PDB file of N, CA and C in Angstrom:
ATOM      1  N   UNK A   1       3.258  15.529 -67.287  1.00  0.00           N
ATOM      2  CA  UNK A   1       3.047  16.524 -66.268  1.00  0.00           C
ATOM      3  C   UNK A   1       1.916  16.113 -65.331  1.00  0.00           C
ATOM      4  N   UNK A   2       0.861  15.548 -65.912  1.00  0.00           N
ATOM      5  CA  UNK A   2      -0.250  15.097 -65.097  1.00  0.00           C
ATOM      6  C   UNK A   2       0.215  14.021 -64.128  1.00  0.00           C
ATOM      7  N   UNK A   3       1.153  13.195 -64.543  1.00  0.00           N
ATOM      8  CA  UNK A   3       1.667  12.129 -63.685  1.00  0.00           C
ATOM      9  C   UNK A   3       2.425  12.720 -62.502  1.00  0.00           C
ATOM     10  N   UNK A   4       3.169  13.795 -62.715  1.00  0.00           N
ATOM     11  CA  UNK A   4       3.919  14.442 -61.643  1.00  0.00           C
ATOM     12  C   UNK A   4       2.955  15.067 -60.640  1.00  0.00           C
ATOM     13  N   UNK A   5       1.941  15.737 -61.127  1.00  0.00           N
ATOM     14  CA  UNK A   5       0.942  16.350 -60.247  1.00  0.00           C
ATOM     15  C   UNK A   5       0.204  15.259 -59.471  1.00  0.00           C
ATOM     16  N   UNK A   6      -0.115  14.168 -60.150  1.00  0.00           N
ATOM     17  CA  UNK A   6      -0.792  13.065 -59.498  1.00  0.00           C
ATOM     18  C   UNK A   6       0.077  12.476 -58.378  1.00  0.00           C
ATOM     19  N   UNK A   7       1.358  12.269 -58.641  1.00  0.00           N
ATOM     20  CA  UNK A   7       2.275  11.742 -57.630  1.00  0.00           C
ATOM     21  C   UNK A   7       2.442  12.725 -56.477  1.00  0.00           C
ATOM     22  N   UNK A   8       2.518  14.019 -56.800  1.00  0.00           N
ATOM     23  CA  UNK A   8       2.632  15.035 -55.765  1.00  0.00           C
ATOM     24  C   UNK A   8       1.389  15.041 -54.861  1.00  0.00           C
ATOM     25  N   UNK A   9       0.217  14.980 -55.460  1.00  0.00           N
ATOM     26  CA  UNK A   9      -1.036  14.957 -54.702  1.00  0.00           C
ATOM     27  C   UNK A   9      -1.131  13.682 -53.857  1.00  0.00           C
ATOM     28  N   UNK A  10      -0.685  12.570 -54.435  1.00  0.00           N
ATOM     29  CA  UNK A  10      -0.707  11.311 -53.718  1.00  0.00           C
ATOM     30  C   UNK A  10       0.234  11.344 -52.515  1.00  0.00           C
ATOM     31  N   UNK A  11       1.400  11.962 -52.667  1.00  0.00           N
ATOM     32  CA  UNK A  11       2.337  12.061 -51.549  1.00  0.00           C
ATOM     33  C   UNK A  11       1.786  12.960 -50.445  1.00  0.00           C
ATOM     34  N   UNK A  12       1.115  14.055 -50.825  1.00  0.00           N
ATOM     35  CA  UNK A  12       0.496  14.924 -49.822  1.00  0.00           C
ATOM     36  C   UNK A  12      -0.618  14.193 -49.086  1.00  0.00           C
ATOM     37  N   UNK A  13      -1.406  13.454 -49.817  1.00  0.00           N
ATOM     38  CA  UNK A  13      -2.511  12.718 -49.231  1.00  0.00           C
ATOM     39  C   UNK A  13      -1.996  11.648 -48.274  1.00  0.00           C
ATOM     40  N   UNK A  14      -0.997  10.893 -48.667  1.00  0.00           N
ATOM     41  CA  UNK A  14      -0.492   9.818 -47.827  1.00  0.00           C
ATOM     42  C   UNK A  14       0.214  10.368 -46.589  1.00  0.00           C
ATOM     43  N   UNK A  15       0.936  11.492 -46.726  1.00  0.00           N
ATOM     44  CA  UNK A  15       1.608  12.054 -45.556  1.00  0.00           C
ATOM     45  C   UNK A  15       0.607  12.637 -44.572  1.00  0.00           C
ATOM     46  N   UNK A  16      -0.495  13.164 -45.076  1.00  0.00           N
ATOM     47  CA  UNK A  16      -1.484  13.729 -44.166  1.00  0.00           C
ATOM     48  C   UNK A  16      -2.244  12.632 -43.427  1.00  0.00           C
ATOM     49  N   UNK A  17      -2.367  11.458 -44.013  1.00  0.00           N
ATOM     50  CA  UNK A  17      -3.037  10.358 -43.357  1.00  0.00           C
ATOM     51  C   UNK A  17      -2.228   9.911 -42.141  1.00  0.00           C
ATOM     52  N   UNK A  18      -0.915   9.875 -42.266  1.00  0.00           N
ATOM     53  CA  UNK A  18      -0.060   9.408 -41.183  1.00  0.00           C
ATOM     54  C   UNK A  18       0.212  10.476 -40.124  1.00  0.00           C
ATOM     55  N   UNK A  19       0.091  11.721 -40.429  1.00  0.00           N
ATOM     56  CA  UNK A  19       0.499  12.770 -39.503  1.00  0.00           C
ATOM     57  C   UNK A  19      -0.659  13.531 -38.892  1.00  0.00           C
ATOM     58  N   UNK A  20      -1.847  13.378 -39.408  1.00  0.00           N
ATOM     59  CA  UNK A  20      -2.949  14.189 -38.919  1.00  0.00           C
ATOM     60  C   UNK A  20      -3.756  13.388 -37.900  1.00  0.00           C
ATOM     61  N   UNK A  21      -3.834  13.887 -36.696  1.00  0.00           N
ATOM     62  CA  UNK A  21      -4.680  13.292 -35.682  1.00  0.00           C
ATOM     63  C   UNK A  21      -5.145  14.399 -34.762  1.00  0.00           C
ATOM     64  N   UNK A  22      -6.163  14.115 -33.986  1.00  0.00           N
ATOM     65  CA  UNK A  22      -6.661  15.124 -33.062  1.00  0.00           C
ATOM     66  C   UNK A  22      -6.923  14.468 -31.710  1.00  0.00           C
ATOM     67  N   UNK A  23      -6.973  15.297 -30.688  1.00  0.00           N
ATOM     68  CA  UNK A  23      -7.243  14.824 -29.332  1.00  0.00           C
ATOM     69  C   UNK A  23      -8.558  15.417 -28.861  1.00  0.00           C
ATOM     70  N   UNK A  24      -9.267  14.693 -28.018  1.00  0.00           N
ATOM     71  CA  UNK A  24     -10.498  15.267 -27.457  1.00  0.00           C
ATOM     72  C   UNK A  24     -10.178  16.535 -26.666  1.00  0.00           C
ATOM     73  N   UNK A  25     -11.179  17.394 -26.511  1.00  0.00           N
ATOM     74  CA  UNK A  25     -10.994  18.631 -25.756  1.00  0.00           C
ATOM     75  C   UNK A  25     -10.500  18.329 -24.346  1.00  0.00           C
ATOM     76  N   UNK A  26      -9.563  19.123 -23.863  1.00  0.00           N
ATOM     77  CA  UNK A  26      -9.045  18.975 -22.512  1.00  0.00           C
ATOM     78  C   UNK A  26      -7.977  17.904 -22.391  1.00  0.00           C
ATOM     79  N   UNK A  27      -7.559  17.312 -23.503  1.00  0.00           N
ATOM     80  CA  UNK A  27      -6.520  16.285 -23.459  1.00  0.00           C
ATOM     81  C   UNK A  27      -5.310  16.760 -24.246  1.00  0.00           C
ATOM     82  N   UNK A  28      -4.234  16.028 -24.104  1.00  0.00           N
ATOM     83  CA  UNK A  28      -2.988  16.415 -24.737  1.00  0.00           C
ATOM     84  C   UNK A  28      -2.375  15.186 -25.398  1.00  0.00           C
ATOM     85  N   UNK A  29      -1.811  15.373 -26.571  1.00  0.00           N
ATOM     86  CA  UNK A  29      -1.177  14.267 -27.284  1.00  0.00           C
ATOM     87  C   UNK A  29       0.096  13.837 -26.567  1.00  0.00           C
ATOM     88  N   UNK A  30       0.461  12.587 -26.755  1.00  0.00           N
ATOM     89  CA  UNK A  30       1.657  12.066 -26.121  1.00  0.00           C
ATOM     90  C   UNK A  30       2.285  11.028 -27.022  1.00  0.00           C
ATOM     91  N   UNK A  31       3.599  10.956 -26.997  1.00  0.00           N
ATOM     92  CA  UNK A  31       4.304   9.933 -27.756  1.00  0.00           C
ATOM     93  C   UNK A  31       4.652   8.789 -26.821  1.00  0.00           C
ATOM     94  N   UNK A  32       4.426   7.581 -27.290  1.00  0.00           N
ATOM     95  CA  UNK A  32       4.679   6.401 -26.480  1.00  0.00           C
ATOM     96  C   UNK A  32       5.781   5.562 -27.114  1.00  0.00           C
ATOM     97  N   UNK A  33       6.591   4.978 -26.264  1.00  0.00           N
ATOM     98  CA  UNK A  33       7.580   4.015 -26.728  1.00  0.00           C
ATOM     99  C   UNK A  33       6.946   2.631 -26.700  1.00  0.00           C
ATOM    100  N   UNK A  34       7.592   1.706 -27.339  1.00  0.00           N
ATOM    101  CA  UNK A  34       7.119   0.330 -27.345  1.00  0.00           C
ATOM    102  C   UNK A  34       7.051  -0.196 -25.914  1.00  0.00           C
ATOM    103  N   UNK A  35       5.932  -0.782 -25.539  1.00  0.00           N
ATOM    104  CA  UNK A  35       5.770  -1.320 -24.197  1.00  0.00           C
ATOM    105  C   UNK A  35       5.184  -0.335 -23.203  1.00  0.00           C
ATOM    106  N   UNK A  36       5.035   0.937 -23.583  1.00  0.00           N
ATOM    107  CA  UNK A  36       4.437   1.918 -22.681  1.00  0.00           C
ATOM    108  C   UNK A  36       2.960   1.590 -22.461  1.00  0.00           C
ATOM    109  N   UNK A  37       2.466   1.986 -21.314  1.00  0.00           N
ATOM    110  CA  UNK A  37       1.070   1.747 -20.962  1.00  0.00           C
ATOM    111  C   UNK A  37       0.394   3.073 -20.684  1.00  0.00           C
ATOM    112  N   UNK A  38      -0.837   3.175 -21.092  1.00  0.00           N
ATOM    113  CA  UNK A  38      -1.622   4.377 -20.821  1.00  0.00           C
ATOM    114  C   UNK A  38      -2.727   4.003 -19.852  1.00  0.00           C
ATOM    115  N   UNK A  39      -2.815   4.747 -18.752  1.00  0.00           N
ATOM    116  CA  UNK A  39      -3.847   4.484 -17.751  1.00  0.00           C
ATOM    117  C   UNK A  39      -4.636   5.756 -17.512  1.00  0.00           C
ATOM    118  N   UNK A  40      -5.928   5.618 -17.258  1.00  0.00           N
ATOM    119  CA  UNK A  40      -6.720   6.804 -16.916  1.00  0.00           C
ATOM    120  C   UNK A  40      -6.267   7.372 -15.566  1.00  0.00           C
ATOM    121  N   UNK A  41      -6.515   8.639 -15.363  1.00  0.00           N
ATOM    122  CA  UNK A  41      -6.143   9.298 -14.119  1.00  0.00           C
ATOM    123  C   UNK A  41      -6.841   8.639 -12.928  1.00  0.00           C
ATOM    124  N   UNK A  42      -8.043   8.157 -13.135  1.00  0.00           N
ATOM    125  CA  UNK A  42      -8.817   7.575 -12.042  1.00  0.00           C
ATOM    126  C   UNK A  42      -8.407   6.137 -11.729  1.00  0.00           C
ATOM    127  N   UNK A  43      -7.463   5.580 -12.496  1.00  0.00           N
ATOM    128  CA  UNK A  43      -7.062   4.183 -12.285  1.00  0.00           C
ATOM    129  C   UNK A  43      -5.609   4.124 -11.846  1.00  0.00           C
ATOM    130  N   UNK A  44      -5.201   2.937 -11.435  1.00  0.00           N
ATOM    131  CA  UNK A  44      -3.813   2.721 -11.040  1.00  0.00           C
ATOM    132  C   UNK A  44      -3.213   1.706 -11.991  1.00  0.00           C
ATOM    133  N   UNK A  45      -2.117   2.060 -12.620  1.00  0.00           N
ATOM    134  CA  UNK A  45      -1.456   1.142 -13.539  1.00  0.00           C
ATOM    135  C   UNK A  45      -0.630   0.145 -12.744  1.00  0.00           C
ATOM    136  N   UNK A  46      -0.669  -1.082 -13.177  1.00  0.00           N
ATOM    137  CA  UNK A  46       0.168  -2.109 -12.575  1.00  0.00           C
ATOM    138  C   UNK A  46       0.936  -2.797 -13.693  1.00  0.00           C
ATOM    139  N   UNK A  47       2.101  -3.353 -13.364  1.00  0.00           N
ATOM    140  CA  UNK A  47       2.876  -4.026 -14.388  1.00  0.00           C
ATOM    141  C   UNK A  47       2.436  -5.479 -14.515  1.00  0.00           C
ATOM    142  N   UNK A  48       3.101  -6.206 -15.404  1.00  0.00           N
ATOM    143  CA  UNK A  48       2.729  -7.596 -15.666  1.00  0.00           C
ATOM    144  C   UNK A  48       2.932  -8.489 -14.463  1.00  0.00           C
ATOM    145  N   UNK A  49       3.774  -8.087 -13.504  1.00  0.00           N
ATOM    146  CA  UNK A  49       4.070  -8.915 -12.347  1.00  0.00           C
ATOM    147  C   UNK A  49       3.050  -8.730 -11.220  1.00  0.00           C
ATOM    148  N   UNK A  50       2.124  -7.808 -11.381  1.00  0.00           N
ATOM    149  CA  UNK A  50       1.122  -7.564 -10.347  1.00  0.00           C
ATOM    150  C   UNK A  50       0.240  -8.799 -10.200  1.00  0.00           C
ATOM    151  N   UNK A  51      -0.059  -9.125  -8.970  1.00  0.00           N
ATOM    152  CA  UNK A  51      -0.847 -10.322  -8.700  1.00  0.00           C
ATOM    153  C   UNK A  51      -2.066  -9.927  -7.895  1.00  0.00           C
ATOM    154  N   UNK A  52      -3.188 -10.424  -8.298  1.00  0.00           N
ATOM    155  CA  UNK A  52      -4.383 -10.251  -7.498  1.00  0.00           C
ATOM    156  C   UNK A  52      -4.367 -11.376  -6.483  1.00  0.00           C
ATOM    157  N   UNK A  53      -4.241 -11.049  -5.218  1.00  0.00           N
ATOM    158  CA  UNK A  53      -3.999 -12.045  -4.191  1.00  0.00           C
ATOM    159  C   UNK A  53      -5.245 -12.823  -3.807  1.00  0.00           C
ATOM    160  N   UNK A  54      -6.383 -12.237  -3.993  1.00  0.00           N
ATOM    161  CA  UNK A  54      -7.623 -12.883  -3.601  1.00  0.00           C
ATOM    162  C   UNK A  54      -8.720 -12.270  -4.464  1.00  0.00           C
ATOM    163  N   UNK A  55      -9.678 -13.062  -4.866  1.00  0.00           N
ATOM    164  CA  UNK A  55     -10.721 -12.524  -5.727  1.00  0.00           C
ATOM    165  C   UNK A  55     -11.461 -11.365  -5.077  1.00  0.00           C
ATOM    166  N   UNK A  56     -11.616 -11.418  -3.762  1.00  0.00           N
ATOM    167  CA  UNK A  56     -12.343 -10.336  -3.097  1.00  0.00           C
ATOM    168  C   UNK A  56     -11.566  -9.028  -3.154  1.00  0.00           C
ATOM    169  N   UNK A  57     -10.230  -9.098  -3.338  1.00  0.00           N
ATOM    170  CA  UNK A  57      -9.433  -7.878  -3.467  1.00  0.00           C
ATOM    171  C   UNK A  57      -9.555  -7.274  -4.857  1.00  0.00           C
ATOM    172  N   UNK A  58     -10.063  -8.061  -5.798  1.00  0.00           N
ATOM    173  CA  UNK A  58     -10.131  -7.605  -7.181  1.00  0.00           C
ATOM    174  C   UNK A  58     -11.484  -7.023  -7.528  1.00  0.00           C
ATOM    175  N   UNK A  59     -12.025  -6.278  -6.653  1.00  0.00           N
ATOM    176  CA  UNK A  59     -13.285  -5.593  -6.894  1.00  0.00           C
ATOM    177  C   UNK A  59     -12.945  -4.274  -7.566  1.00  0.00           C
ATOM    178  N   UNK A  60     -13.438  -4.076  -8.767  1.00  0.00           N
ATOM    179  CA  UNK A  60     -13.061  -2.874  -9.506  1.00  0.00           C
ATOM    180  C   UNK A  60     -13.491  -1.600  -8.784  1.00  0.00           C
ATOM    181  N   UNK A  61     -14.496  -1.685  -7.941  1.00  0.00           N
ATOM    182  CA  UNK A  61     -14.920  -0.503  -7.189  1.00  0.00           C
ATOM    183  C   UNK A  61     -13.941  -0.180  -6.071  1.00  0.00           C
ATOM    184  N   UNK A  62     -13.265  -1.219  -5.527  1.00  0.00           N
ATOM    185  CA  UNK A  62     -12.321  -1.021  -4.425  1.00  0.00           C
ATOM    186  C   UNK A  62     -10.882  -0.946  -4.907  1.00  0.00           C
ATOM    187  N   UNK A  63     -10.613  -1.417  -6.119  1.00  0.00           N
ATOM    188  CA  UNK A  63      -9.269  -1.356  -6.658  1.00  0.00           C
ATOM    189  C   UNK A  63      -8.515  -2.649  -6.484  1.00  0.00           C
ATOM    190  N   UNK A  64      -7.298  -2.638  -6.950  1.00  0.00           N
ATOM    191  CA  UNK A  64      -6.436  -3.810  -6.922  1.00  0.00           C
ATOM    192  C   UNK A  64      -5.260  -3.560  -6.000  1.00  0.00           C
ATOM    193  N   UNK A  65      -4.590  -4.626  -5.600  1.00  0.00           N
ATOM    194  CA  UNK A  65      -3.415  -4.476  -4.757  1.00  0.00           C
ATOM    195  C   UNK A  65      -2.259  -5.196  -5.437  1.00  0.00           C
ATOM    196  N   UNK A  66      -1.102  -4.560  -5.441  1.00  0.00           N
ATOM    197  CA  UNK A  66       0.092  -5.155  -6.037  1.00  0.00           C
ATOM    198  C   UNK A  66       0.843  -5.934  -4.969  1.00  0.00           C
ATOM    199  N   UNK A  67       1.585  -6.940  -5.408  1.00  0.00           N
ATOM    200  CA  UNK A  67       2.349  -7.753  -4.480  1.00  0.00           C
ATOM    201  C   UNK A  67       3.279  -6.933  -3.613  1.00  0.00           C
ATOM    202  N   UNK A  68       3.944  -5.928  -4.190  1.00  0.00           N
ATOM    203  CA  UNK A  68       4.874  -5.106  -3.410  1.00  0.00           C
ATOM    204  C   UNK A  68       4.145  -4.307  -2.340  1.00  0.00           C
ATOM    205  N   UNK A  69       2.968  -3.796  -2.655  1.00  0.00           N
ATOM    206  CA  UNK A  69       2.180  -3.062  -1.662  1.00  0.00           C
ATOM    207  C   UNK A  69       1.710  -4.007  -0.568  1.00  0.00           C
ATOM    208  N   UNK A  70       1.337  -5.213  -0.946  1.00  0.00           N
ATOM    209  CA  UNK A  70       0.906  -6.213   0.035  1.00  0.00           C
ATOM    210  C   UNK A  70       2.051  -6.526   0.988  1.00  0.00           C
ATOM    211  N   UNK A  71       3.274  -6.645   0.451  1.00  0.00           N
ATOM    212  CA  UNK A  71       4.441  -6.931   1.297  1.00  0.00           C
ATOM    213  C   UNK A  71       4.672  -5.823   2.315  1.00  0.00           C
ATOM    214  N   UNK A  72       4.525  -4.570   1.898  1.00  0.00           N
ATOM    215  CA  UNK A  72       4.708  -3.435   2.808  1.00  0.00           C
ATOM    216  C   UNK A  72       3.646  -3.463   3.906  1.00  0.00           C
ATOM    217  N   UNK A  73       2.404  -3.700   3.521  1.00  0.00           N
ATOM    218  CA  UNK A  73       1.316  -3.755   4.503  1.00  0.00           C
ATOM    219  C   UNK A  73       1.538  -4.923   5.462  1.00  0.00           C
ATOM    220  N   UNK A  74       1.990  -6.053   4.939  1.00  0.00           N
ATOM    221  CA  UNK A  74       2.236  -7.220   5.779  1.00  0.00           C
ATOM    222  C   UNK A  74       3.350  -6.949   6.780  1.00  0.00           C
ATOM    223  N   UNK A  75       4.420  -6.270   6.349  1.00  0.00           N
ATOM    224  CA  UNK A  75       5.509  -5.925   7.275  1.00  0.00           C
ATOM    225  C   UNK A  75       5.005  -4.995   8.374  1.00  0.00           C
ATOM    226  N   UNK A  76       4.213  -4.000   7.997  1.00  0.00           N
ATOM    227  CA  UNK A  76       3.643  -3.086   8.991  1.00  0.00           C
ATOM    228  C   UNK A  76       2.747  -3.845   9.962  1.00  0.00           C
ATOM    229  N   UNK A  77       1.945  -4.755   9.450  1.00  0.00           N
ATOM    230  CA  UNK A  77       1.056  -5.554  10.285  1.00  0.00           C
ATOM    231  C   UNK A  77       1.867  -6.396  11.271  1.00  0.00           C
ATOM    232  N   UNK A  78       2.920  -7.046  10.771  1.00  0.00           N
ATOM    233  CA  UNK A  78       3.757  -7.881  11.644  1.00  0.00           C
ATOM    234  C   UNK A  78       4.439  -7.038  12.725  1.00  0.00           C
ATOM    235  N   UNK A  79       4.828  -5.816  12.384  1.00  0.00           N
ATOM    236  CA  UNK A  79       5.445  -4.913  13.357  1.00  0.00           C
ATOM    237  C   UNK A  79       4.439  -4.557  14.459  1.00  0.00           C
ATOM    238  N   UNK A  80       3.210  -4.237  14.066  1.00  0.00           N
ATOM    239  CA  UNK A  80       2.168  -3.882  15.038  1.00  0.00           C
ATOM    240  C   UNK A  80       1.833  -5.087  15.918  1.00  0.00           C
ATOM    241  N   UNK A  81       1.766  -6.276  15.335  1.00  0.00           N
ATOM    242  CA  UNK A  81       1.485  -7.483  16.117  1.00  0.00           C
ATOM    243  C   UNK A  81       2.602  -7.722  17.121  1.00  0.00           C
ATOM    244  N   UNK A  82       3.845  -7.526  16.700  1.00  0.00           N
ATOM    245  CA  UNK A  82       4.979  -7.699  17.604  1.00  0.00           C
ATOM    246  C   UNK A  82       4.912  -6.703  18.763  1.00  0.00           C
ATOM    247  N   UNK A  83       4.594  -5.446  18.464  1.00  0.00           N
ATOM    248  CA  UNK A  83       4.452  -4.435  19.521  1.00  0.00           C
ATOM    249  C   UNK A  83       3.311  -4.798  20.462  1.00  0.00           C
ATOM    250  N   UNK A  84       2.204  -5.278  19.911  1.00  0.00           N
ATOM    251  CA  UNK A  84       1.067  -5.686  20.732  1.00  0.00           C
ATOM    252  C   UNK A  84       1.458  -6.826  21.656  1.00  0.00           C
ATOM    253  N   UNK A  85       2.147  -7.827  21.107  1.00  0.00           N
ATOM    254  CA  UNK A  85       2.572  -8.975  21.927  1.00  0.00           C
ATOM    255  C   UNK A  85       3.523  -8.543  23.039  1.00  0.00           C
ATOM    256  N   UNK A  86       4.421  -7.617  22.734  1.00  0.00           N
ATOM    257  CA  UNK A  86       5.354  -7.119  23.745  1.00  0.00           C
ATOM    258  C   UNK A  86       4.601  -6.378  24.853  1.00  0.00           C
ATOM    259  N   UNK A  87       3.679  -5.513  24.475  1.00  0.00           N
ATOM    260  CA  UNK A  87       2.889  -4.776  25.464  1.00  0.00           C
ATOM    261  C   UNK A  87       2.020  -5.712  26.298  1.00  0.00           C
ATOM    262  N   UNK A  88       1.474  -6.732  25.678  1.00  0.00           N
ATOM    263  CA  UNK A  88       0.670  -7.708  26.414  1.00  0.00           C
ATOM    264  C   UNK A  88       1.516  -8.432  27.447  1.00  0.00           C
ATOM    265  N   UNK A  89       2.710  -8.818  27.040  1.00  0.00           N
ATOM    266  CA  UNK A  89       3.626  -9.498  27.964  1.00  0.00           C
ATOM    267  C   UNK A  89       3.997  -8.590  29.133  1.00  0.00           C
ATOM    268  N   UNK A  90       4.302  -7.328  28.834  1.00  0.00           N
ATOM    269  CA  UNK A  90       4.629  -6.369  29.897  1.00  0.00           C
ATOM    270  C   UNK A  90       3.438  -6.167  30.828  1.00  0.00           C
ATOM    271  N   UNK A  91       2.240  -6.127  30.258  1.00  0.00           N
ATOM    272  CA  UNK A  91       1.033  -5.961  31.071  1.00  0.00           C
ATOM    273  C   UNK A  91       0.843  -7.140  32.011  1.00  0.00           C
ATOM    274  N   UNK A  92       1.060  -8.353  31.511  1.00  0.00           N
ATOM    275  CA  UNK A  92       0.935  -9.548  32.356  1.00  0.00           C
ATOM    276  C   UNK A  92       1.966  -9.498  33.480  1.00  0.00           C
ATOM    277  N   UNK A  93       3.201  -9.112  33.154  1.00  0.00           N
ATOM    278  CA  UNK A  93       4.252  -9.012  34.178  1.00  0.00           C
ATOM    279  C   UNK A  93       3.885  -7.988  35.250  1.00  0.00           C
ATOM    280  N   UNK A  94       3.395  -6.817  34.830  1.00  0.00           N
ATOM    281  CA  UNK A  94       3.001  -5.778  35.791  1.00  0.00           C
ATOM    282  C   UNK A  94       1.832  -6.239  36.666  1.00  0.00           C
ATOM    283  N   UNK A  95       0.883  -6.934  36.064  1.00  0.00           N
ATOM    284  CA  UNK A  95      -0.261  -7.432  36.829  1.00  0.00           C
ATOM    285  C   UNK A  95       0.195  -8.463  37.870  1.00  0.00           C
ATOM    286  N   UNK A  96       1.099  -9.349  37.464  1.00  0.00           N
ATOM    287  CA  UNK A  96       1.621 -10.347  38.416  1.00  0.00           C
ATOM    288  C   UNK A  96       2.390  -9.678  39.553  1.00  0.00           C
ATOM    289  N   UNK A  97       3.165  -8.660  39.213  1.00  0.00           N
ATOM    290  CA  UNK A  97       3.918  -7.928  40.251  1.00  0.00           C
ATOM    291  C   UNK A  97       2.953  -7.249  41.220  1.00  0.00           C
ATOM    292  N   UNK A  98       1.909  -6.634  40.690  1.00  0.00           N
ATOM    293  CA  UNK A  98       0.921  -5.972  41.541  1.00  0.00           C
ATOM    294  C   UNK A  98       0.221  -6.967  42.463  1.00  0.00           C
ATOM    295  N   UNK A  99      -0.124  -8.128  41.915  1.00  0.00           N
ATOM    296  CA  UNK A  99      -0.788  -9.155  42.740  1.00  0.00           C
ATOM    297  C   UNK A  99       0.143  -9.678  43.828  1.00  0.00           C
ATOM    298  N   UNK A 100       1.420  -9.851  43.504  1.00  0.00           N
ATOM    299  CA  UNK A 100       2.381 -10.295  44.519  1.00  0.00           C
ATOM    300  C   UNK A 100       2.498  -9.271  45.651  1.00  0.00           C
ATOM    301  N   UNK A 101       2.591  -7.986  45.266  1.00  0.00           N
ATOM    302  CA  UNK A 101       2.676  -6.934  46.288  1.00  0.00           C
ATOM    303  C   UNK A 101       1.401  -6.884  47.119  1.00  0.00           C
ATOM    304  N   UNK A 102       0.264  -7.027  46.470  1.00  0.00           N
ATOM    305  CA  UNK A 102      -1.020  -6.998  47.169  1.00  0.00           C
ATOM    306  C   UNK A 102      -1.100  -8.141  48.188  1.00  0.00           C
ATOM    307  N   UNK A 103      -0.751  -9.326  47.741  1.00  0.00           N
ATOM    308  CA  UNK A 103      -0.777 -10.484  48.645  1.00  0.00           C
ATOM    309  C   UNK A 103       0.214 -10.320  49.799  1.00  0.00           C
ATOM    310  N   UNK A 104       1.381  -9.736  49.483  1.00  0.00           N
ATOM    311  CA  UNK A 104       2.382  -9.504  50.518  1.00  0.00           C
ATOM    312  C   UNK A 104       1.836  -8.533  51.574  1.00  0.00           C
ATOM    313  N   UNK A 105       1.183  -7.456  51.121  1.00  0.00           N
ATOM    314  CA  UNK A 105       0.617  -6.465  52.048  1.00  0.00           C
ATOM    315  C   UNK A 105      -0.493  -7.106  52.874  1.00  0.00           C
ATOM    316  N   UNK A 106      -1.363  -7.881  52.254  1.00  0.00           N
ATOM    317  CA  UNK A 106      -2.476  -8.530  52.975  1.00  0.00           C
ATOM    318  C   UNK A 106      -1.941  -9.481  54.046  1.00  0.00           C
ATOM    319  N   UNK A 107      -0.862 -10.171  53.730  1.00  0.00           N
ATOM    320  CA  UNK A 107      -0.318 -11.163  54.669  1.00  0.00           C
ATOM    321  C   UNK A 107       0.691 -10.579  55.652  1.00  0.00           C
ATOM    322  N   UNK A 108       0.934  -9.271  55.589  1.00  0.00           N
ATOM    323  CA  UNK A 108       1.891  -8.640  56.512  1.00  0.00           C
ATOM    324  C   UNK A 108       1.296  -8.526  57.905  1.00  0.00           C
ATOM    325  N   UNK A 109       2.161  -8.719  58.882  1.00  0.00           N
ATOM    326  CA  UNK A 109       1.720  -8.642  60.280  1.00  0.00           C
ATOM    327  C   UNK A 109       1.820  -7.220  60.803  1.00  0.00           C
ATOM    328  N   UNK A 110       2.741  -6.435  60.249  1.00  0.00           N
ATOM    329  CA  UNK A 110       2.931  -5.057  60.737  1.00  0.00           C
ATOM    330  C   UNK A 110       2.943  -4.091  59.560  1.00  0.00           C
ATOM    331  N   UNK A 111       2.788  -2.813  59.903  1.00  0.00           N
ATOM    332  CA  UNK A 111       2.848  -1.768  58.878  1.00  0.00           C
ATOM    333  C   UNK A 111       4.227  -1.721  58.235  1.00  0.00           C
ATOM    334  N   UNK A 112       5.247  -1.933  59.030  1.00  0.00           N
ATOM    335  CA  UNK A 112       6.620  -1.909  58.543  1.00  0.00           C
ATOM    336  C   UNK A 112       6.829  -3.009  57.484  1.00  0.00           C
ATOM    337  N   UNK A 113       6.279  -4.199  57.719  1.00  0.00           N
ATOM    338  CA  UNK A 113       6.374  -5.300  56.755  1.00  0.00           C
ATOM    339  C   UNK A 113       5.598  -4.977  55.469  1.00  0.00           C
ATOM    340  N   UNK A 114       4.447  -4.319  55.612  1.00  0.00           N
ATOM    341  CA  UNK A 114       3.631  -3.946  54.457  1.00  0.00           C
ATOM    342  C   UNK A 114       4.362  -2.930  53.584  1.00  0.00           C
ATOM    343  N   UNK A 115       5.034  -1.959  54.216  1.00  0.00           N
ATOM    344  CA  UNK A 115       5.802  -0.948  53.466  1.00  0.00           C
ATOM    345  C   UNK A 115       6.936  -1.622  52.723  1.00  0.00           C
ATOM    346  N   UNK A 116       7.566  -2.602  53.347  1.00  0.00           N
ATOM    347  CA  UNK A 116       8.650  -3.342  52.696  1.00  0.00           C
ATOM    348  C   UNK A 116       8.131  -4.067  51.438  1.00  0.00           C
ATOM    349  N   UNK A 117       6.927  -4.589  51.521  1.00  0.00           N
ATOM    350  CA  UNK A 117       6.342  -5.288  50.361  1.00  0.00           C
ATOM    351  C   UNK A 117       6.197  -4.362  49.151  1.00  0.00           C
ATOM    352  N   UNK A 118       5.744  -3.152  49.419  1.00  0.00           N
ATOM    353  CA  UNK A 118       5.485  -2.195  48.345  1.00  0.00           C
ATOM    354  C   UNK A 118       6.784  -1.646  47.771  1.00  0.00           C
ATOM    355  N   UNK A 119       7.776  -1.443  48.594  1.00  0.00           N
ATOM    356  CA  UNK A 119       9.034  -0.812  48.165  1.00  0.00           C
ATOM    357  C   UNK A 119      10.001  -1.782  47.513  1.00  0.00           C
ATOM    358  N   UNK A 120       9.864  -3.052  47.713  1.00  0.00           N
ATOM    359  CA  UNK A 120      10.818  -3.971  47.089  1.00  0.00           C
ATOM    360  C   UNK A 120      10.461  -4.167  45.631  1.00  0.00           C
ATOM    361  N   UNK A 121      11.429  -4.538  44.856  1.00  0.00           N
ATOM    362  CA  UNK A 121      11.141  -4.804  43.473  1.00  0.00           C
ATOM    363  C   UNK A 121      11.950  -3.987  42.592  1.00  0.00           C
TER     364      UNK A 121
END
């Protein structure tokens, strides 16, 4: 009988070791699958494929950047550069047109010729 009680007590003790845990105040328990990652709320989790592109980007105070985020930023940057180049080209064209009209007006012999310079185009 003592052996049965001993085995019963041992089973209770062993089951309580595996099932009893506690969480700090203000936290909640969670079940994780194999390969799951736990990250603090103040941090950003990245997967194994994340690459630190430059040591200066890996400042823990400033955070890390993932390759996919870098690609998005790079596409946006290239779009803005393209828009800038287009606007610059248009600005040069407008400036050249204005200078041509100005020179035409300066070199006009009559008011009628000067008006023609401004209206053409």
